[in-house]
Amino acid sequence: MAADENKVPDSSAGAVVPSDEELIARVRGEDFGAFEELVNRYQDKVYRLALRFVRTESEAKEVVQDTLLTVWRKLDSFKGDALFSSWLYRVTANAALMRLRSQRRHAEISTEDLEPSVLERTPQYGQIHAPGDNWSRRPDEQLQSERLKAEIQRAVDALPEIYRTVFLIRDVDGHSTEETAEILGVSVPTVKTRLHRARLALRETIGSHFDGVPASHP
């Protein structure tokens, strides 16, 4: 496809917005203006994903800075066999995980971002049943209680990193299964398997919380 076909008209200025590919080529030529344009295009999404992992604004900003520095230094390692945005989100997730590892703590999520039914949806595997009563069918007031939020928080913190990362990107940040696979550089079946195990572990933990039964671990 010709480069012109990738350009998007800017109706506000009557100009043509360069494609990611064009900006990347210019950045590789050490055009810092092109890099700033890429940053402006994606910085909000990068910040949002970073915040999913580290949960504080100050640390999310640090992750964004780490991400941008990595992109500037290692853009040549981007081969163009995936979308630039997917590669960028992978760099962001890795930067966030490195920060969490260095601080020896796990990712935390905002449970307000989760729909009550998120742990009940497993289309590729069918219905998952938690121990005892199905917590996800309890009244909305209970689902939104501070007690449940804290329990979900602990359950997510306890997930192995590979499951927690898929859960954060797929279910919390809202990427599709295919996008998540591309971001993480793994296959779609791998994403489905890890997501299934993450949801199952979370449902078991939360179900056990209400039933008073010790939770099993993945």
Foldseek 3Di string as FASTA:
>chain_A
DDQVVQWDQDVVVRHTHGHPVVLLVVLVVVPVVSLVVVCVVCVVVLLVLLCQFAVDNVVSVVLSVQLSVCCSVPVVVPPPPADPVLQSNLSSLVSSVVVCVVVVFGGFGQCVLADLCLLQDQVVPDGADAPDDQVSPDDPVVCPDPVNRVQLRVLLRPAPPVLSSLCSVPGRVPDPLVSSCSSNVHDSVVSSVSPNQSSNSSRHSSSCVVVVHDGDGD
